[in-house]
Protein backbone atom coordinates (compact mmCIF):
# COMPACT_ATOMS: atom_id res chain seq x y z
CA UNK A 1 -4.53 2.63 -18.28
CA UNK A 2 -2.61 3.12 -14.25
CA UNK A 3 -5.80 3.91 -12.65
CA UNK A 4 -7.52 1.09 -13.91
CA UNK A 5 -5.40 -1.48 -12.97
CA UNK A 6 -4.95 0.12 -9.33
CA UNK A 7 -8.93 -0.04 -8.76
CA UNK A 8 -9.03 -4.01 -9.85
CA UNK A 9 -5.71 -4.10 -7.75
CA UNK A 10 -7.16 -2.19 -4.25
CA UNK A 11 -10.16 -4.37 -4.93
CA UNK A 12 -9.01 -7.37 -4.58
CA UNK A 13 -6.98 -6.46 -1.85
CA UNK A 14 -9.94 -5.33 0.16
CA UNK A 15 -11.86 -8.57 -0.48
CA UNK A 16 -9.18 -10.63 0.28
CA UNK A 17 -11.07 -13.59 2.54
CA UNK A 18 -7.20 -14.97 4.06
CA UNK A 19 -3.70 -14.33 4.25
CA UNK A 20 -2.75 -16.21 1.17
CA UNK A 21 -5.60 -14.31 -0.37
CA UNK A 22 -4.25 -10.98 0.19
CA UNK A 23 -0.37 -12.32 -0.33
CA UNK A 24 -1.78 -13.14 -3.19
CA UNK A 25 -3.50 -10.29 -4.40
CA UNK A 26 -0.62 -8.12 -3.48
CA UNK A 27 1.80 -9.87 -5.46
CA UNK A 28 -0.98 -9.63 -8.33
CA UNK A 29 -1.31 -5.89 -8.02
CA UNK A 30 2.55 -5.56 -7.78
CA UNK A 31 2.82 -7.31 -10.58
CA UNK A 32 0.36 -5.62 -12.77
CA UNK A 33 1.83 -2.58 -11.64
CA UNK A 34 5.14 -3.36 -13.62
CA UNK A 35 7.09 -4.89 -10.31
CA UNK A 36 8.37 -8.49 -9.09
CA UNK A 37 7.79 -8.52 -5.43
CA UNK A 38 6.81 -6.55 -2.40
CA UNK A 39 7.64 -6.37 1.25
CA UNK A 40 4.81 -5.02 3.76
CA UNK A 41 6.29 -4.37 7.40
CA UNK A 42 4.23 -2.62 10.24
CA UNK A 43 4.19 -2.29 13.22
CA UNK A 44 7.87 -2.93 14.14
CA UNK A 45 10.02 -2.14 16.81
CA UNK A 46 13.53 -2.10 15.42
CA UNK A 47 14.87 -2.32 11.71
CA UNK A 48 16.10 -5.96 11.90
CA UNK A 49 12.49 -6.89 13.24
CA UNK A 50 11.43 -5.01 10.21
CA UNK A 51 13.20 -6.74 7.70
CA UNK A 52 13.35 -9.99 8.65
CA UNK A 53 9.79 -11.18 10.67
CA UNK A 54 7.84 -8.42 7.70
CA UNK A 55 3.77 -8.43 8.18
CA UNK A 56 3.34 -9.87 5.00
CA UNK A 57 5.90 -10.53 1.57
CA UNK A 58 6.92 -12.20 -1.37
CA UNK A 59 10.31 -11.74 -0.75
CA UNK A 60 12.21 -15.14 -0.37
CA UNK A 61 13.70 -16.55 2.70
CA UNK A 62 16.87 -16.71 0.91
CA UNK A 63 16.75 -13.01 0.02
CA UNK A 64 16.10 -12.97 3.84
CA UNK A 65 19.21 -14.93 4.87
CA UNK A 66 21.27 -12.96 2.24
CA UNK A 67 20.77 -9.61 3.78
CA UNK A 68 20.81 -10.54 7.47
CA UNK A 69 24.13 -12.06 6.65
CA UNK A 70 25.72 -9.29 5.05
CA UNK A 71 23.93 -7.16 8.37
CA UNK A 72 22.58 -4.94 5.94
CA UNK A 73 19.70 -3.77 8.61
CA UNK A 74 22.47 -1.78 10.17
CA UNK A 75 22.97 0.05 7.08
CA UNK A 76 20.94 -0.06 4.31
CA UNK A 77 19.79 3.85 3.24
CA UNK A 78 16.74 2.62 1.94
CA UNK A 79 16.02 0.86 4.98
CA UNK A 80 16.88 4.41 6.65
CA UNK A 81 14.70 6.06 4.63
CA UNK A 82 11.51 3.81 5.24
CA UNK A 83 11.76 4.62 8.80
CA UNK A 84 11.97 7.81 8.56
CA UNK A 85 8.27 8.32 7.53
CA UNK A 86 9.07 10.48 4.56
CA UNK A 87 6.98 10.68 1.49
CA UNK A 88 7.37 7.66 -0.81
CA UNK A 89 10.14 7.24 -3.05
CA UNK A 90 10.46 5.90 -6.48
CA UNK A 91 14.56 4.79 -7.04
CA UNK A 92 16.91 2.87 -9.04
CA UNK A 93 19.77 1.72 -8.64
CA UNK A 94 21.87 3.97 -10.05
CA UNK A 95 20.41 6.63 -7.34
CA UNK A 96 23.53 4.78 -4.69
CA UNK A 97 26.52 4.60 -6.63
CA UNK A 98 27.92 7.65 -4.81
CA UNK A 99 30.96 7.83 -2.73
CA UNK A 100 29.21 6.69 0.48
CA UNK A 101 26.80 4.21 -1.00
CA UNK A 102 28.49 2.36 -3.73
CA UNK A 103 28.88 -1.28 -1.73
CA UNK A 104 24.96 -0.69 -1.64
CA UNK A 105 24.47 -0.51 -5.54
CA UNK A 106 26.90 -3.77 -5.83
CA UNK A 107 24.55 -5.42 -3.37
CA UNK A 108 21.23 -4.52 -5.36
CA UNK A 109 22.93 -5.86 -8.90
CA UNK A 110 24.18 -8.44 -7.05
CA UNK A 111 20.29 -8.81 -6.59
CA UNK A 112 19.28 -9.36 -9.85
CA UNK A 113 17.52 -5.40 -8.98
CA UNK A 114 17.02 -2.50 -11.33
CA UNK A 115 14.62 -0.40 -9.44
CA UNK A 116 12.03 -0.23 -7.15
CA UNK A 117 9.60 2.25 -4.86
CA UNK A 118 9.74 2.72 -1.04
CA UNK A 119 6.88 3.55 0.74
CA UNK A 120 6.69 4.91 4.55
CA UNK A 121 3.08 4.59 5.81
CA UNK A 122 1.16 5.95 9.14
CA UNK A 123 2.01 4.09 12.50
CA UNK A 124 1.91 4.79 15.69
CA UNK A 125 4.55 6.91 17.70
CA UNK A 126 8.13 4.83 17.31
CA UNK A 127 6.73 1.65 15.41
CA UNK A 128 8.18 1.28 11.55
CA UNK A 129 5.94 0.84 8.63
CA UNK A 130 6.45 0.61 5.02
CA UNK A 131 5.73 -1.33 2.18
CA UNK A 132 8.58 -1.78 -0.54
CA UNK A 133 8.23 -3.06 -4.30
CA UNK A 134 11.26 -4.31 -6.05
CA UNK A 135 11.86 -4.63 -10.24
CA UNK A 136 14.20 -6.92 -11.90
CA UNK A 137 13.46 -5.38 -15.56
CA UNK A 138 12.25 -1.52 -15.04
CA UNK A 139 14.50 1.60 -13.41
CA UNK A 140 11.77 4.05 -13.73
CA UNK A 141 8.44 4.39 -12.99
CA UNK A 142 5.87 7.24 -13.51
CA UNK A 143 4.55 9.43 -10.91
CA UNK A 144 1.33 7.45 -10.61
CA UNK A 145 2.86 4.45 -10.44
CA UNK A 146 4.66 5.48 -7.33
CA UNK A 147 1.66 7.34 -5.22
CA UNK A 148 0.22 3.65 -5.74
CA UNK A 149 2.17 1.78 -3.83
CA UNK A 150 1.42 4.04 -0.43
CA UNK A 151 -2.52 3.09 -1.19
CA UNK A 152 -2.27 -0.60 -1.98
CA UNK A 153 -0.01 -0.84 1.40
CA UNK A 154 -2.77 0.66 3.29
CA UNK A 155 -5.88 -1.09 2.45
CA UNK A 156 -3.62 -3.89 2.76
CA UNK A 157 -2.91 -3.23 6.55
CA UNK A 158 -6.51 -2.20 7.04
CA UNK A 159 -7.66 -5.56 5.46
CA UNK A 160 -5.07 -7.55 7.59
CA UNK A 161 -6.47 -5.97 10.65
CA UNK A 162 -9.98 -6.79 10.01
CA UNK A 163 -9.61 -10.21 9.26
CA UNK A 164 -7.11 -10.65 12.71
CA UNK A 165 -3.63 -11.22 11.59
CA UNK A 166 -2.34 -7.63 12.49
CA UNK A 167 -2.72 -5.89 16.08
CA UNK A 168 -0.16 -3.20 14.98
CA UNK A 169 -2.32 0.14 16.03
CA UNK A 170 -2.37 1.31 12.50
CA UNK A 171 -5.38 3.06 11.13
CA UNK A 172 -8.52 0.58 10.19
CA UNK A 173 -10.77 0.83 8.27
CA UNK A 174 -13.53 1.62 10.64
CA UNK A 175 -11.53 4.48 12.01
CA UNK A 176 -10.40 5.89 8.66
CA UNK A 177 -14.42 5.42 7.77
CA UNK A 178 -14.48 7.82 10.62
CA UNK A 179 -14.37 10.85 9.12
CA UNK A 180 -17.34 10.29 6.84
CA UNK A 181 -20.91 11.83 8.22
CA UNK A 182 -23.33 9.58 8.29
CA UNK A 183 -25.21 10.72 5.01
CA UNK A 184 -21.90 10.49 3.60
CA UNK A 185 -21.78 6.56 4.71
CA UNK A 186 -24.89 6.26 3.01
CA UNK A 187 -23.71 7.53 -0.11
CA UNK A 188 -20.17 4.92 0.29
CA UNK A 189 -23.07 2.10 1.24
CA UNK A 190 -25.03 2.09 -1.84
CA UNK A 191 -21.80 2.94 -4.27
CA UNK A 192 -19.91 -0.23 -2.41
CA UNK A 193 -23.24 -2.17 -3.59
CA UNK A 194 -22.54 -0.91 -7.45
CA UNK A 195 -24.82 2.00 -7.59
CA UNK A 196 -23.94 4.81 -9.90
CA UNK A 197 -24.41 8.41 -8.52
CA UNK A 198 -27.29 8.92 -10.43
CA UNK A 199 -28.89 5.34 -8.86
CA UNK A 200 -27.79 6.63 -5.32
CA UNK A 201 -29.82 9.90 -5.84
CA UNK A 202 -32.52 8.95 -7.23
CA UNK A 203 -32.67 6.33 -3.66
CA UNK A 204 -31.94 9.33 -1.47
CA UNK A 205 -33.98 11.76 -2.81
CA UNK A 206 -31.10 13.94 -3.95
CA UNK A 207 -29.59 15.39 -7.47
CA UNK A 208 -26.97 13.46 -9.20
CA UNK A 209 -24.96 16.82 -9.49
CA UNK A 210 -25.73 16.86 -5.04
CA UNK A 211 -24.48 13.07 -5.27
CA UNK A 212 -21.42 14.03 -7.37
CA UNK A 213 -20.61 16.61 -4.79
CA UNK A 214 -20.55 14.63 -1.91
CA UNK A 215 -18.83 11.63 -3.64
CA UNK A 216 -15.69 14.20 -4.20
CA UNK A 217 -15.87 15.24 -0.43
CA UNK A 218 -15.47 11.19 0.61
CA UNK A 219 -12.95 11.00 -2.17
CA UNK A 220 -10.74 13.80 -0.12
CA UNK A 221 -11.44 12.44 3.19
CA UNK A 222 -10.58 8.89 2.58
CA UNK A 223 -7.03 10.20 0.47
CA UNK A 224 -8.12 8.12 -2.82
CA UNK A 225 -8.51 9.57 -6.47
CA UNK A 226 -11.46 7.09 -7.28
CA UNK A 227 -15.09 5.78 -6.11
CA UNK A 228 -13.88 2.16 -6.73
CA UNK A 229 -10.76 3.03 -4.57
CA UNK A 230 -13.26 4.56 -1.93
CA UNK A 231 -15.24 1.17 -2.02
CA UNK A 232 -12.46 -0.62 -1.36
CA UNK A 233 -11.61 0.42 1.54
CA UNK A 234 -15.30 0.69 2.81
CA UNK A 235 -15.23 -3.27 2.06
CA UNK A 236 -11.47 -3.57 4.37
CA UNK A 237 -14.30 -3.50 7.13
CA UNK A 238 -16.17 -6.15 6.57
CA UNK A 239 -15.14 -9.88 7.21
């Protein structure tokens, strides 16, 4: 199930100890979700820097060189969308078979691509941030898979910040967790130690259904759908 894949992926990303570990965890994650490569770039001042100097990426130097030679940074419709701060978007090559974008469709086909997902990420005013994943074999993606990409990108950026690799000013684990009450943080700490909601209730002297209620509130505040994903965000804050 996609939720199991995403849970494992977010946990691996959150526990990465080095930049190389994080790149490997992200590549494993996007592969498990049905994609071939990824590009995560945040806190960039302009589109060319955004594409050619990514924060972390599995795209090859040859890919970047071809992109730059053809001056796509100035006219790439997907890059423009990534910079727009809009909603996450799944796409396929046929989307660009229009009078104005036919050349871009040919470029994607020449690059061996069939589809992908582009997810703008929250960023400071004026900065560009997004994660894009690409597929050479698939051109259709279900809604859960599409929604998983901004979550992966956000957790990866939090982990980079914690490890000291990124100072883009994006939300850090500590600022995200700051929305939780002390009681909710206590529940999340026990969850991070592998305790079930029933176990946590016994430890803190509350009924399981009360802990269930608090956990639902925690998930809502963190913008995630499972306890594993919430624990992943919590884990991001530790080196």
